[in-house]
């Protein structure tokens, strides 16, 4: 199974969180605007979790950081990982326009 097919298959069982919005794009006279999202995904959560971010026109940079304490998992349970990906309204195809 290719990476794209794997992504599409997994996306069917994804969780989408509430979106994060910003008032407007910053110009040279405005300070940066920051949004902080905190949460916990317990064992058994969907493989893919989406956090929609509405990016207004004029935005020049997006910074993403996170902390992740990799907890131990019960015996017989697959381990977990935390990865971040960004895509736009054009989609998620690897190597595509999104």
Protein backbone atom coordinates (compact mmCIF):
# COMPACT_ATOMS: atom_id res chain seq x y z
CA UNK A 1 0.00 0.00 0.00
CA UNK A 2 1.46 3.38 -1.01
CA UNK A 3 1.78 6.32 1.38
CA UNK A 4 -1.11 8.18 -0.30
CA UNK A 5 -3.44 5.19 -0.02
CA UNK A 6 -2.41 4.70 3.59
CA UNK A 7 -3.15 8.36 4.35
CA UNK A 8 -6.56 8.26 2.66
CA UNK A 9 -7.47 5.03 4.43
CA UNK A 10 -6.43 6.41 7.81
CA UNK A 11 -8.14 9.74 7.20
CA UNK A 12 -11.49 7.97 7.23
CA UNK A 13 -10.95 7.31 10.95
CA UNK A 14 -9.61 10.78 11.78
CA UNK A 15 -10.65 13.17 14.51
CA UNK A 16 -11.04 16.86 13.65
CA UNK A 17 -10.64 19.36 16.47
CA UNK A 18 -12.15 22.87 16.58
CA UNK A 19 -10.42 25.33 14.27
CA UNK A 20 -7.93 28.02 15.24
CA UNK A 21 -8.46 31.45 13.67
CA UNK A 22 -6.52 34.70 13.52
CA UNK A 23 -7.97 38.19 13.12
CA UNK A 24 -5.89 39.24 10.10
CA UNK A 25 -2.47 38.98 8.54
CA UNK A 26 0.20 41.06 10.25
CA UNK A 27 1.77 44.04 8.59
CA UNK A 28 5.10 45.57 9.54
CA UNK A 29 3.52 47.69 12.31
CA UNK A 30 1.74 44.84 14.10
CA UNK A 31 3.12 42.43 16.64
CA UNK A 32 3.01 38.71 15.97
CA UNK A 33 -0.17 36.95 17.04
CA UNK A 34 0.12 33.66 18.91
CA UNK A 35 -2.41 30.92 19.54
CA UNK A 36 -1.78 28.06 21.96
CA UNK A 37 -3.64 24.77 21.70
CA UNK A 38 -3.32 22.22 24.48
CA UNK A 39 -4.77 18.78 24.69
CA UNK A 40 -4.32 15.12 25.44
CA UNK A 41 -4.97 12.18 23.15
CA UNK A 42 -5.59 9.08 25.25
CA UNK A 43 -4.68 5.54 24.13
CA UNK A 44 -7.10 4.36 21.46
CA UNK A 45 -7.49 7.80 19.85
CA UNK A 46 -7.78 7.89 16.04
CA UNK A 47 -4.55 7.55 14.07
CA UNK A 48 -4.98 10.99 12.49
CA UNK A 49 -6.06 14.15 14.31
CA UNK A 50 -6.65 17.34 12.37
CA UNK A 51 -6.48 20.83 13.84
CA UNK A 52 -7.81 23.22 11.18
CA UNK A 53 -6.05 26.60 11.18
CA UNK A 54 -7.56 29.43 9.16
CA UNK A 55 -4.64 31.48 7.86
CA UNK A 56 -5.65 34.97 6.69
CA UNK A 57 -4.09 36.64 3.70
CA UNK A 58 -0.93 38.58 4.52
CA UNK A 59 0.56 35.92 6.79
CA UNK A 60 4.26 35.56 6.07
CA UNK A 61 5.24 32.82 8.50
CA UNK A 62 3.75 30.01 10.54
CA UNK A 63 5.72 28.48 13.41
CA UNK A 64 4.66 25.23 15.03
CA UNK A 65 6.21 23.68 18.10
CA UNK A 66 5.12 21.02 20.52
CA UNK A 67 6.20 18.99 23.48
CA UNK A 68 5.51 15.32 23.64
CA UNK A 69 6.20 12.93 26.45
CA UNK A 70 6.12 9.50 24.88
CA UNK A 71 4.27 7.47 27.49
CA UNK A 72 4.67 3.76 27.90
CA UNK A 73 1.84 1.73 26.41
CA UNK A 74 0.17 -1.38 27.81
CA UNK A 75 1.61 -4.74 26.76
CA UNK A 76 0.24 -5.85 23.39
CA UNK A 77 -0.61 -2.29 22.33
CA UNK A 78 1.26 -0.72 19.41
CA UNK A 79 3.50 2.20 20.34
CA UNK A 80 2.68 5.72 19.30
CA UNK A 81 4.32 8.72 17.69
CA UNK A 82 3.50 12.37 17.14
CA UNK A 83 4.15 13.96 13.76
CA UNK A 84 2.99 17.32 12.39
CA UNK A 85 2.05 17.99 8.79
CA UNK A 86 0.67 21.12 7.14
CA UNK A 87 -1.48 21.21 4.03
CA UNK A 88 -3.83 23.70 2.40
CA UNK A 89 -7.14 23.67 0.53
CA UNK A 90 -5.45 22.03 -2.47
CA UNK A 91 -5.19 18.74 -0.61
CA UNK A 92 -2.78 16.28 0.87
CA UNK A 93 -1.26 14.48 -2.10
CA UNK A 94 2.44 13.88 -1.52
CA UNK A 95 4.42 16.11 -3.85
CA UNK A 96 1.22 17.91 -4.82
CA UNK A 97 0.21 21.56 -4.68
CA UNK A 98 -1.20 21.36 -1.15
